[in-house]
């Protein structure tokens, strides 16, 4: 079971980055994220209700569900979609893979879990990988301008979105430990996320426009149904079953899927520098889980 959750998460979320790239451009980012989670909630809640799996948590749990919505189903994606304006989707996936390190540190902060010495080495490898990939371009783009380069801006946005994602993992873990069903909590969280986004849309006077074309619409439906409803459910079930740090190991394989799709659909040129940096970043994640073997038999033993 753990292996199937792991494989499904990798394949779905590894491919969502290119779908996000198809949605960014002239269309308002906040509206795209709102559509994604509004559709996800509208699909998810009735299905759970019809199958008898929908529960309404006690009011004392709702602040934590809202926290999960802020970090997993709204603001994190506003940042990640914004990052896609500046850097290719495959590179965003590499940054997102560092959530393994974020999760280990946040598990220590929020749940008192000990941090193994390998976390420091993993962090250094991950940061070195990002530096190899992004630093040359960032330095080359700065020029005489005082503002950060587009590459640097994209890296910061993706890193901030990944941090929020990790905080959302902690909120989800807290909700699960208090007996809240993962699927039902996700459904209400997506509804809260859509409400947060609609408030932000009106607060910023952002126009709500219909989907501009078929490519956008298909990408939106894929992100809403597969990337949100199915992807988040399989990932957060994995968090419940094996812990947030081990579940985040799935993000180690995201860049491989995402970089391949980015090269196919975004004409991203994979260079030796990209490969070297990606290998360093992946090595950092592998060091984090040096005692784990992600195979069918190993996954079922976790």
C-alpha atoms as a PDB file:
ATOM      1  CA  UNK A   1       0.000   0.000   0.000  1.00  0.00           C
ATOM      2  CA  UNK A   2       2.759   2.458   0.897  1.00  0.00           C
ATOM      3  CA  UNK A   3       4.509   1.758  -2.397  1.00  0.00           C
ATOM      4  CA  UNK A   4       1.333   2.529  -4.386  1.00  0.00           C
ATOM      5  CA  UNK A   5       0.800   5.785  -2.487  1.00  0.00           C
ATOM      6  CA  UNK A   6       4.435   6.706  -3.098  1.00  0.00           C
ATOM      7  CA  UNK A   7       4.381   5.888  -6.828  1.00  0.00           C
ATOM      8  CA  UNK A   8       1.068   7.674  -7.422  1.00  0.00           C
ATOM      9  CA  UNK A   9       2.296  10.798  -5.652  1.00  0.00           C
ATOM     10  CA  UNK A  10       5.534  10.889  -7.663  1.00  0.00           C
ATOM     11  CA  UNK A  11       3.865  10.426 -11.055  1.00  0.00           C
ATOM     12  CA  UNK A  12       1.052  12.902 -10.449  1.00  0.00           C
ATOM     13  CA  UNK A  13       2.993  15.652  -8.698  1.00  0.00           C
ATOM     14  CA  UNK A  14       6.009  15.217 -10.938  1.00  0.00           C
ATOM     15  CA  UNK A  15       3.767  16.089 -13.891  1.00  0.00           C
ATOM     16  CA  UNK A  16       1.794  18.932 -12.293  1.00  0.00           C
ATOM     17  CA  UNK A  17       4.651  21.409 -12.741  1.00  0.00           C
ATOM     18  CA  UNK A  18       4.306  21.435 -16.509  1.00  0.00           C
ATOM     19  CA  UNK A  19       0.527  21.863 -16.147  1.00  0.00           C
ATOM     20  CA  UNK A  20       1.196  24.899 -13.959  1.00  0.00           C
ATOM     21  CA  UNK A  21       3.508  26.273 -16.659  1.00  0.00           C
ATOM     22  CA  UNK A  22       0.623  26.026 -19.146  1.00  0.00           C
ATOM     23  CA  UNK A  23      -1.467  28.287 -16.885  1.00  0.00           C
ATOM     24  CA  UNK A  24       0.928  31.155 -16.201  1.00  0.00           C
ATOM     25  CA  UNK A  25       1.243  34.190 -18.414  1.00  0.00           C
ATOM     26  CA  UNK A  26      -1.266  36.980 -18.903  1.00  0.00           C
ATOM     27  CA  UNK A  27      -4.022  35.236 -16.930  1.00  0.00           C
ATOM     28  CA  UNK A  28      -4.251  36.338 -13.235  1.00  0.00           C
ATOM     29  CA  UNK A  29      -2.331  33.850 -11.100  1.00  0.00           C
ATOM     30  CA  UNK A  30      -4.601  34.166  -8.080  1.00  0.00           C
ATOM     31  CA  UNK A  31      -7.630  33.362 -10.230  1.00  0.00           C
ATOM     32  CA  UNK A  32      -5.898  30.258 -11.630  1.00  0.00           C
ATOM     33  CA  UNK A  33      -5.160  28.964  -8.134  1.00  0.00           C
ATOM     34  CA  UNK A  34      -8.725  29.814  -7.033  1.00  0.00           C
ATOM     35  CA  UNK A  35     -10.222  27.887  -9.961  1.00  0.00           C
ATOM     36  CA  UNK A  36      -8.010  24.913  -9.132  1.00  0.00           C
ATOM     37  CA  UNK A  37      -9.125  24.534  -5.530  1.00  0.00           C
ATOM     38  CA  UNK A  38     -12.719  25.633  -6.051  1.00  0.00           C
ATOM     39  CA  UNK A  39     -13.137  22.874  -8.658  1.00  0.00           C
ATOM     40  CA  UNK A  40     -11.289  20.413  -6.429  1.00  0.00           C
ATOM     41  CA  UNK A  41     -13.581  21.185  -3.467  1.00  0.00           C
ATOM     42  CA  UNK A  42     -16.739  21.039  -5.612  1.00  0.00           C
ATOM     43  CA  UNK A  43     -15.662  17.611  -6.911  1.00  0.00           C
ATOM     44  CA  UNK A  44     -14.277  16.215  -3.663  1.00  0.00           C
ATOM     45  CA  UNK A  45     -16.928  17.130  -1.067  1.00  0.00           C
ATOM     46  CA  UNK A  46     -19.936  15.591  -2.898  1.00  0.00           C
ATOM     47  CA  UNK A  47     -18.004  12.394  -3.662  1.00  0.00           C
ATOM     48  CA  UNK A  48     -17.093  11.986   0.012  1.00  0.00           C
ATOM     49  CA  UNK A  49     -20.665  12.785   1.041  1.00  0.00           C
ATOM     50  CA  UNK A  50     -22.156  10.228  -1.371  1.00  0.00           C
ATOM     51  CA  UNK A  51     -19.730   7.535  -0.194  1.00  0.00           C
ATOM     52  CA  UNK A  52     -20.340   8.292   3.476  1.00  0.00           C
ATOM     53  CA  UNK A  53     -16.780   9.418   4.089  1.00  0.00           C
ATOM     54  CA  UNK A  54     -17.445  13.116   4.692  1.00  0.00           C
ATOM     55  CA  UNK A  55     -17.271  14.260   8.291  1.00  0.00           C
ATOM     56  CA  UNK A  56     -17.506  17.741   9.782  1.00  0.00           C
ATOM     57  CA  UNK A  57     -14.701  18.304  12.297  1.00  0.00           C
ATOM     58  CA  UNK A  58     -15.389  19.906  15.655  1.00  0.00           C
ATOM     59  CA  UNK A  59     -15.006  23.684  15.630  1.00  0.00           C
ATOM     60  CA  UNK A  60     -11.836  23.522  17.748  1.00  0.00           C
ATOM     61  CA  UNK A  61     -10.066  21.853  14.817  1.00  0.00           C
ATOM     62  CA  UNK A  62     -10.998  24.432  12.197  1.00  0.00           C
ATOM     63  CA  UNK A  63      -8.183  26.906  12.933  1.00  0.00           C
ATOM     64  CA  UNK A  64      -5.734  24.116  12.100  1.00  0.00           C
ATOM     65  CA  UNK A  65      -7.673  23.172   8.967  1.00  0.00           C
ATOM     66  CA  UNK A  66      -7.529  26.826   7.936  1.00  0.00           C
ATOM     67  CA  UNK A  67      -3.779  26.806   8.612  1.00  0.00           C
ATOM     68  CA  UNK A  68      -3.518  23.738   6.373  1.00  0.00           C
ATOM     69  CA  UNK A  69      -5.569  25.559   3.723  1.00  0.00           C
ATOM     70  CA  UNK A  70      -3.325  28.619   3.851  1.00  0.00           C
ATOM     71  CA  UNK A  71      -0.148  26.594   3.473  1.00  0.00           C
ATOM     72  CA  UNK A  72      -1.235  23.723   1.211  1.00  0.00           C
ATOM     73  CA  UNK A  73      -4.263  24.874  -0.758  1.00  0.00           C
ATOM     74  CA  UNK A  74      -3.806  28.561  -1.468  1.00  0.00           C
ATOM     75  CA  UNK A  75      -0.845  30.821  -0.691  1.00  0.00           C
ATOM     76  CA  UNK A  76       1.872  28.240  -1.353  1.00  0.00           C
ATOM     77  CA  UNK A  77       0.593  27.818  -4.895  1.00  0.00           C
ATOM     78  CA  UNK A  78       0.288  31.547  -5.440  1.00  0.00           C
ATOM     79  CA  UNK A  79       4.037  31.670  -4.767  1.00  0.00           C
ATOM     80  CA  UNK A  80       4.844  28.591  -6.862  1.00  0.00           C
ATOM     81  CA  UNK A  81       2.743  29.786  -9.809  1.00  0.00           C
ATOM     82  CA  UNK A  82       4.506  33.160  -9.540  1.00  0.00           C
ATOM     83  CA  UNK A  83       7.872  31.406  -9.631  1.00  0.00           C
ATOM     84  CA  UNK A  84       6.854  29.783 -12.926  1.00  0.00           C
ATOM     85  CA  UNK A  85       6.866  33.255 -14.497  1.00  0.00           C
ATOM     86  CA  UNK A  86      10.633  33.450 -14.023  1.00  0.00           C
ATOM     87  CA  UNK A  87      12.116  29.943 -14.102  1.00  0.00           C
ATOM     88  CA  UNK A  88      11.212  26.671 -15.917  1.00  0.00           C
ATOM     89  CA  UNK A  89       8.829  24.260 -14.209  1.00  0.00           C
ATOM     90  CA  UNK A  90      11.493  21.555 -13.906  1.00  0.00           C
ATOM     91  CA  UNK A  91      13.732  23.858 -11.888  1.00  0.00           C
ATOM     92  CA  UNK A  92      10.845  24.706  -9.564  1.00  0.00           C
ATOM     93  CA  UNK A  93      10.473  20.970  -8.942  1.00  0.00           C
ATOM     94  CA  UNK A  94      14.144  20.765  -7.936  1.00  0.00           C
ATOM     95  CA  UNK A  95      13.649  23.533  -5.370  1.00  0.00           C
ATOM     96  CA  UNK A  96      10.441  21.891  -4.182  1.00  0.00           C
ATOM     97  CA  UNK A  97      12.346  18.650  -3.587  1.00  0.00           C
ATOM     98  CA  UNK A  98      14.112  20.408  -0.707  1.00  0.00           C
ATOM     99  CA  UNK A  99      10.879  20.067   1.260  1.00  0.00           C
ATOM    100  CA  UNK A 100      12.536  16.954   2.693  1.00  0.00           C
ATOM    101  CA  UNK A 101      14.909  19.255   4.567  1.00  0.00           C
ATOM    102  CA  UNK A 102      12.172  21.726   5.494  1.00  0.00           C
ATOM    103  CA  UNK A 103      10.065  18.871   6.879  1.00  0.00           C
ATOM    104  CA  UNK A 104      12.876  17.498   9.017  1.00  0.00           C
ATOM    105  CA  UNK A 105      13.544  20.931  10.529  1.00  0.00           C
ATOM    106  CA  UNK A 106       9.867  21.720  11.038  1.00  0.00           C
ATOM    107  CA  UNK A 107       9.209  18.318  12.606  1.00  0.00           C
ATOM    108  CA  UNK A 108      11.884  19.246  15.147  1.00  0.00           C
ATOM    109  CA  UNK A 109      10.353  22.680  15.704  1.00  0.00           C
ATOM    110  CA  UNK A 110       6.712  21.624  15.997  1.00  0.00           C
ATOM    111  CA  UNK A 111       6.893  18.025  17.230  1.00  0.00           C
ATOM    112  CA  UNK A 112      10.269  17.814  18.977  1.00  0.00           C
ATOM    113  CA  UNK A 113      11.669  15.133  16.672  1.00  0.00           C
ATOM    114  CA  UNK A 114      15.429  14.796  16.806  1.00  0.00           C
ATOM    115  CA  UNK A 115      17.459  15.935  13.792  1.00  0.00           C
ATOM    116  CA  UNK A 116      20.028  13.426  12.591  1.00  0.00           C
ATOM    117  CA  UNK A 117      23.554  14.722  11.812  1.00  0.00           C
ATOM    118  CA  UNK A 118      23.015  13.864   8.153  1.00  0.00           C
ATOM    119  CA  UNK A 119      20.480  16.713   7.925  1.00  0.00           C
ATOM    120  CA  UNK A 120      23.330  19.249   7.909  1.00  0.00           C
ATOM    121  CA  UNK A 121      25.150  17.399   5.121  1.00  0.00           C
ATOM    122  CA  UNK A 122      21.918  17.016   3.177  1.00  0.00           C
ATOM    123  CA  UNK A 123      21.221  20.748   3.520  1.00  0.00           C
ATOM    124  CA  UNK A 124      24.682  21.664   2.268  1.00  0.00           C
ATOM    125  CA  UNK A 125      24.370  19.324  -0.727  1.00  0.00           C
ATOM    126  CA  UNK A 126      20.938  20.691  -1.582  1.00  0.00           C
ATOM    127  CA  UNK A 127      22.057  24.312  -1.365  1.00  0.00           C
ATOM    128  CA  UNK A 128      25.173  23.537  -3.397  1.00  0.00           C
ATOM    129  CA  UNK A 129      23.001  21.971  -6.095  1.00  0.00           C
ATOM    130  CA  UNK A 130      20.795  25.063  -6.281  1.00  0.00           C
ATOM    131  CA  UNK A 131      23.860  27.306  -6.436  1.00  0.00           C
ATOM    132  CA  UNK A 132      25.354  25.299  -9.323  1.00  0.00           C
ATOM    133  CA  UNK A 133      22.115  25.574 -11.308  1.00  0.00           C
ATOM    134  CA  UNK A 134      21.026  29.124 -10.587  1.00  0.00           C
ATOM    135  CA  UNK A 135      23.958  31.269  -9.471  1.00  0.00           C
ATOM    136  CA  UNK A 136      25.643  31.762 -12.886  1.00  0.00           C
ATOM    137  CA  UNK A 137      22.385  32.917 -14.515  1.00  0.00           C
ATOM    138  CA  UNK A 138      21.438  35.072 -11.547  1.00  0.00           C
ATOM    139  CA  UNK A 139      24.796  36.852 -11.523  1.00  0.00           C
ATOM    140  CA  UNK A 140      24.652  37.329 -15.265  1.00  0.00           C
ATOM    141  CA  UNK A 141      21.209  38.931 -15.139  1.00  0.00           C
ATOM    142  CA  UNK A 142      21.816  41.354 -12.284  1.00  0.00           C
ATOM    143  CA  UNK A 143      23.895  43.794 -14.342  1.00  0.00           C
ATOM    144  CA  UNK A 144      23.551  47.360 -13.161  1.00  0.00           C
ATOM    145  CA  UNK A 145      20.051  46.979 -11.768  1.00  0.00           C
ATOM    146  CA  UNK A 146      19.547  47.121  -8.034  1.00  0.00           C
ATOM    147  CA  UNK A 147      16.565  44.763  -8.161  1.00  0.00           C
ATOM    148  CA  UNK A 148      17.051  40.989  -8.023  1.00  0.00           C
ATOM    149  CA  UNK A 149      17.335  39.160 -11.323  1.00  0.00           C
ATOM    150  CA  UNK A 150      14.413  37.176 -12.687  1.00  0.00           C
ATOM    151  CA  UNK A 151      16.180  33.925 -11.868  1.00  0.00           C
ATOM    152  CA  UNK A 152      16.858  34.968  -8.285  1.00  0.00           C
ATOM    153  CA  UNK A 153      13.276  36.174  -7.895  1.00  0.00           C
ATOM    154  CA  UNK A 154      11.950  32.858  -9.174  1.00  0.00           C
ATOM    155  CA  UNK A 155      14.177  30.907  -6.783  1.00  0.00           C
ATOM    156  CA  UNK A 156      13.008  32.960  -3.793  1.00  0.00           C
ATOM    157  CA  UNK A 157       9.341  32.551  -4.730  1.00  0.00           C
ATOM    158  CA  UNK A 158       9.710  28.778  -5.181  1.00  0.00           C
ATOM    159  CA  UNK A 159      11.633  28.438  -1.902  1.00  0.00           C
ATOM    160  CA  UNK A 160       8.978  30.434  -0.027  1.00  0.00           C
ATOM    161  CA  UNK A 161       6.198  28.338  -1.552  1.00  0.00           C
ATOM    162  CA  UNK A 162       8.016  25.167  -0.528  1.00  0.00           C
ATOM    163  CA  UNK A 163       8.367  26.456   3.040  1.00  0.00           C
ATOM    164  CA  UNK A 164       4.620  27.059   3.211  1.00  0.00           C
ATOM    165  CA  UNK A 165       4.054  23.556   1.831  1.00  0.00           C
ATOM    166  CA  UNK A 166       6.156  22.147   4.673  1.00  0.00           C
ATOM    167  CA  UNK A 167       4.200  24.108   7.268  1.00  0.00           C
ATOM    168  CA  UNK A 168       1.052  22.686   5.712  1.00  0.00           C
ATOM    169  CA  UNK A 169       2.507  19.215   6.211  1.00  0.00           C
ATOM    170  CA  UNK A 170       2.871  19.994   9.905  1.00  0.00           C
ATOM    171  CA  UNK A 171      -0.746  21.206  10.131  1.00  0.00           C
ATOM    172  CA  UNK A 172      -1.927  18.063   8.332  1.00  0.00           C
ATOM    173  CA  UNK A 173       0.106  15.883  10.665  1.00  0.00           C
ATOM    174  CA  UNK A 174      -1.410  17.623  13.686  1.00  0.00           C
ATOM    175  CA  UNK A 175      -4.923  17.119  12.303  1.00  0.00           C
ATOM    176  CA  UNK A 176      -4.283  13.429  11.639  1.00  0.00           C
ATOM    177  CA  UNK A 177      -2.916  12.845  15.148  1.00  0.00           C
ATOM    178  CA  UNK A 178      -6.177  14.265  16.504  1.00  0.00           C
ATOM    179  CA  UNK A 179      -8.156  11.670  14.580  1.00  0.00           C
ATOM    180  CA  UNK A 180      -9.333  13.792  11.646  1.00  0.00           C
ATOM    181  CA  UNK A 181      -9.793  11.708   8.466  1.00  0.00           C
ATOM    182  CA  UNK A 182      -7.270  12.771   5.830  1.00  0.00           C
ATOM    183  CA  UNK A 183      -9.654  12.851   2.851  1.00  0.00           C
ATOM    184  CA  UNK A 184     -12.364  14.765   4.673  1.00  0.00           C
ATOM    185  CA  UNK A 185      -9.874  17.246   6.134  1.00  0.00           C
ATOM    186  CA  UNK A 186      -8.402  17.813   2.674  1.00  0.00           C
ATOM    187  CA  UNK A 187     -11.852  18.477   1.207  1.00  0.00           C
ATOM    188  CA  UNK A 188     -12.696  21.105   3.814  1.00  0.00           C
ATOM    189  CA  UNK A 189      -9.178  22.512   3.517  1.00  0.00           C
ATOM    190  CA  UNK A 190      -9.585  22.961  -0.239  1.00  0.00           C
ATOM    191  CA  UNK A 191     -12.906  24.720   0.342  1.00  0.00           C
ATOM    192  CA  UNK A 192     -11.241  27.021   2.871  1.00  0.00           C
ATOM    193  CA  UNK A 193      -8.390  27.577   0.420  1.00  0.00           C
ATOM    194  CA  UNK A 194     -10.858  28.673  -2.274  1.00  0.00           C
ATOM    195  CA  UNK A 195     -12.513  31.068   0.201  1.00  0.00           C
ATOM    196  CA  UNK A 196      -9.124  32.532   1.170  1.00  0.00           C
ATOM    197  CA  UNK A 197      -8.296  33.064  -2.491  1.00  0.00           C
ATOM    198  CA  UNK A 198     -11.631  34.687  -3.368  1.00  0.00           C
ATOM    199  CA  UNK A 199     -11.138  37.125  -0.490  1.00  0.00           C
ATOM    200  CA  UNK A 200      -7.661  37.896  -1.832  1.00  0.00           C
ATOM    201  CA  UNK A 201      -9.067  38.344  -5.347  1.00  0.00           C
ATOM    202  CA  UNK A 202     -11.591  40.928  -4.180  1.00  0.00           C
ATOM    203  CA  UNK A 203      -9.095  42.610  -1.845  1.00  0.00           C
ATOM    204  CA  UNK A 204      -6.678  43.129  -4.740  1.00  0.00           C
ATOM    205  CA  UNK A 205      -9.418  44.004  -7.256  1.00  0.00           C
ATOM    206  CA  UNK A 206      -8.218  41.187  -9.506  1.00  0.00           C
ATOM    207  CA  UNK A 207     -10.645  40.533 -12.386  1.00  0.00           C
ATOM    208  CA  UNK A 208     -12.197  37.066 -12.549  1.00  0.00           C
ATOM    209  CA  UNK A 209     -12.047  35.914 -16.153  1.00  0.00           C
ATOM    210  CA  UNK A 210     -13.162  32.681 -17.845  1.00  0.00           C
ATOM    211  CA  UNK A 211     -10.508  30.170 -18.936  1.00  0.00           C
ATOM    212  CA  UNK A 212      -8.832  31.593 -22.051  1.00  0.00           C
ATOM    213  CA  UNK A 213      -8.373  28.433 -24.140  1.00  0.00           C
ATOM    214  CA  UNK A 214      -8.560  24.641 -24.264  1.00  0.00           C
ATOM    215  CA  UNK A 215      -4.939  24.097 -23.147  1.00  0.00           C
ATOM    216  CA  UNK A 216      -5.519  26.189 -20.034  1.00  0.00           C
ATOM    217  CA  UNK A 217      -8.795  24.391 -19.291  1.00  0.00           C
ATOM    218  CA  UNK A 218      -7.312  20.903 -19.631  1.00  0.00           C
ATOM    219  CA  UNK A 219      -4.341  21.874 -17.446  1.00  0.00           C
ATOM    220  CA  UNK A 220      -6.758  23.315 -14.875  1.00  0.00           C
ATOM    221  CA  UNK A 221      -8.857  20.139 -14.740  1.00  0.00           C
ATOM    222  CA  UNK A 222      -5.737  17.989 -14.421  1.00  0.00           C
ATOM    223  CA  UNK A 223      -4.434  20.146 -11.563  1.00  0.00           C
ATOM    224  CA  UNK A 224      -7.805  20.222  -9.801  1.00  0.00           C
ATOM    225  CA  UNK A 225      -8.706  16.527 -10.031  1.00  0.00           C
ATOM    226  CA  UNK A 226      -5.367  14.718 -10.238  1.00  0.00           C
ATOM    227  CA  UNK A 227      -2.937  17.235  -8.768  1.00  0.00           C
ATOM    228  CA  UNK A 228      -5.210  18.322  -5.911  1.00  0.00           C
ATOM    229  CA  UNK A 229      -7.857  15.740  -5.032  1.00  0.00           C
ATOM    230  CA  UNK A 230      -5.877  12.570  -5.826  1.00  0.00           C
ATOM    231  CA  UNK A 231      -2.314  13.856  -5.378  1.00  0.00           C
ATOM    232  CA  UNK A 232      -2.831  15.520  -2.012  1.00  0.00           C
ATOM    233  CA  UNK A 233      -4.857  12.592  -0.701  1.00  0.00           C
ATOM    234  CA  UNK A 234      -2.179  10.022  -1.592  1.00  0.00           C
ATOM    235  CA  UNK A 235       0.630  12.253  -0.281  1.00  0.00           C
ATOM    236  CA  UNK A 236      -1.046  13.112   3.028  1.00  0.00           C
ATOM    237  CA  UNK A 237      -2.067   9.476   3.546  1.00  0.00           C
ATOM    238  CA  UNK A 238       1.634   8.718   3.134  1.00  0.00           C
ATOM    239  CA  UNK A 239       2.433  11.400   5.733  1.00  0.00           C
ATOM    240  CA  UNK A 240       0.046   9.694   8.171  1.00  0.00           C
ATOM    241  CA  UNK A 241       1.427   6.205   7.473  1.00  0.00           C
ATOM    242  CA  UNK A 242       5.182   6.870   7.414  1.00  0.00           C
ATOM    243  CA  UNK A 243       5.668  10.399   8.823  1.00  0.00           C
ATOM    244  CA  UNK A 244       6.235  13.782   7.186  1.00  0.00           C
ATOM    245  CA  UNK A 245       9.992  13.377   6.721  1.00  0.00           C
ATOM    246  CA  UNK A 246       9.777   9.984   5.035  1.00  0.00           C
ATOM    247  CA  UNK A 247       6.762  10.953   2.941  1.00  0.00           C
ATOM    248  CA  UNK A 248       8.687  13.938   1.581  1.00  0.00           C
ATOM    249  CA  UNK A 249      11.146  11.473   0.042  1.00  0.00           C
ATOM    250  CA  UNK A 250       8.652  11.293  -2.826  1.00  0.00           C
ATOM    251  CA  UNK A 251       9.762  14.799  -3.784  1.00  0.00           C
ATOM    252  CA  UNK A 252      13.246  13.405  -4.529  1.00  0.00           C
ATOM    253  CA  UNK A 253      11.893  11.908  -7.750  1.00  0.00           C
ATOM    254  CA  UNK A 254       9.714  14.874  -8.775  1.00  0.00           C
ATOM    255  CA  UNK A 255      12.566  16.687 -10.587  1.00  0.00           C
ATOM    256  CA  UNK A 256      13.288  13.708 -12.824  1.00  0.00           C
ATOM    257  CA  UNK A 257       9.704  13.667 -14.111  1.00  0.00           C
ATOM    258  CA  UNK A 258       9.433  17.469 -14.175  1.00  0.00           C
ATOM    259  CA  UNK A 259      12.763  18.155 -15.934  1.00  0.00           C
ATOM    260  CA  UNK A 260      11.908  15.578 -18.618  1.00  0.00           C
ATOM    261  CA  UNK A 261       8.527  17.203 -19.289  1.00  0.00           C
ATOM    262  CA  UNK A 262      10.059  20.687 -19.187  1.00  0.00           C
ATOM    263  CA  UNK A 263      12.571  19.663 -21.859  1.00  0.00           C
ATOM    264  CA  UNK A 264       9.762  18.233 -24.017  1.00  0.00           C
ATOM    265  CA  UNK A 265       7.194  21.030 -23.689  1.00  0.00           C
ATOM    266  CA  UNK A 266       9.103  24.163 -22.637  1.00  0.00           C
ATOM    267  CA  UNK A 267      12.193  23.644 -24.800  1.00  0.00           C
ATOM    268  CA  UNK A 268      14.261  23.718 -21.632  1.00  0.00           C
ATOM    269  CA  UNK A 269      17.879  22.915 -22.468  1.00  0.00           C
ATOM    270  CA  UNK A 270      19.317  20.336 -20.091  1.00  0.00           C
ATOM    271  CA  UNK A 271      23.013  21.162 -19.744  1.00  0.00           C
ATOM    272  CA  UNK A 272      25.832  19.493 -17.864  1.00  0.00           C
ATOM    273  CA  UNK A 273      25.484  22.239 -15.230  1.00  0.00           C
ATOM    274  CA  UNK A 274      21.793  21.432 -14.790  1.00  0.00           C
ATOM    275  CA  UNK A 275      22.557  17.736 -14.427  1.00  0.00           C
ATOM    276  CA  UNK A 276      25.365  18.378 -11.931  1.00  0.00           C
ATOM    277  CA  UNK A 277      23.209  20.680  -9.834  1.00  0.00           C
ATOM    278  CA  UNK A 278      20.245  18.313  -9.922  1.00  0.00           C
ATOM    279  CA  UNK A 279      22.438  15.401  -8.862  1.00  0.00           C
ATOM    280  CA  UNK A 280      23.758  17.425  -5.914  1.00  0.00           C
ATOM    281  CA  UNK A 281      20.224  18.398  -4.876  1.00  0.00           C
ATOM    282  CA  UNK A 282      19.021  14.806  -5.215  1.00  0.00           C
ATOM    283  CA  UNK A 283      22.070  13.568  -3.330  1.00  0.00           C
ATOM    284  CA  UNK A 284      21.118  15.857  -0.474  1.00  0.00           C
ATOM    285  CA  UNK A 285      17.678  14.295  -0.319  1.00  0.00           C
ATOM    286  CA  UNK A 286      19.101  10.777  -0.561  1.00  0.00           C
ATOM    287  CA  UNK A 287      21.474  11.512   2.323  1.00  0.00           C
ATOM    288  CA  UNK A 288      18.411  12.548   4.342  1.00  0.00           C
ATOM    289  CA  UNK A 289      17.079   9.017   3.911  1.00  0.00           C
ATOM    290  CA  UNK A 290      20.266   7.011   3.648  1.00  0.00           C
ATOM    291  CA  UNK A 291      18.710   4.218   5.690  1.00  0.00           C
ATOM    292  CA  UNK A 292      15.670   3.932   3.418  1.00  0.00           C
ATOM    293  CA  UNK A 293      15.346   1.835   0.294  1.00  0.00           C
ATOM    294  CA  UNK A 294      12.439   2.893  -1.845  1.00  0.00           C
ATOM    295  CA  UNK A 295      11.393  -0.414  -3.320  1.00  0.00           C
ATOM    296  CA  UNK A 296       8.126  -2.251  -3.141  1.00  0.00           C
ATOM    297  CA  UNK A 297       9.289  -4.512  -0.317  1.00  0.00           C
ATOM    298  CA  UNK A 298      10.974  -1.737   1.620  1.00  0.00           C
ATOM    299  CA  UNK A 299       8.027   0.607   1.297  1.00  0.00           C
ATOM    300  CA  UNK A 300       5.680  -2.043   2.644  1.00  0.00           C
ATOM    301  CA  UNK A 301       7.906  -2.545   5.675  1.00  0.00           C
ATOM    302  CA  UNK A 302       7.839   1.141   6.704  1.00  0.00           C
END
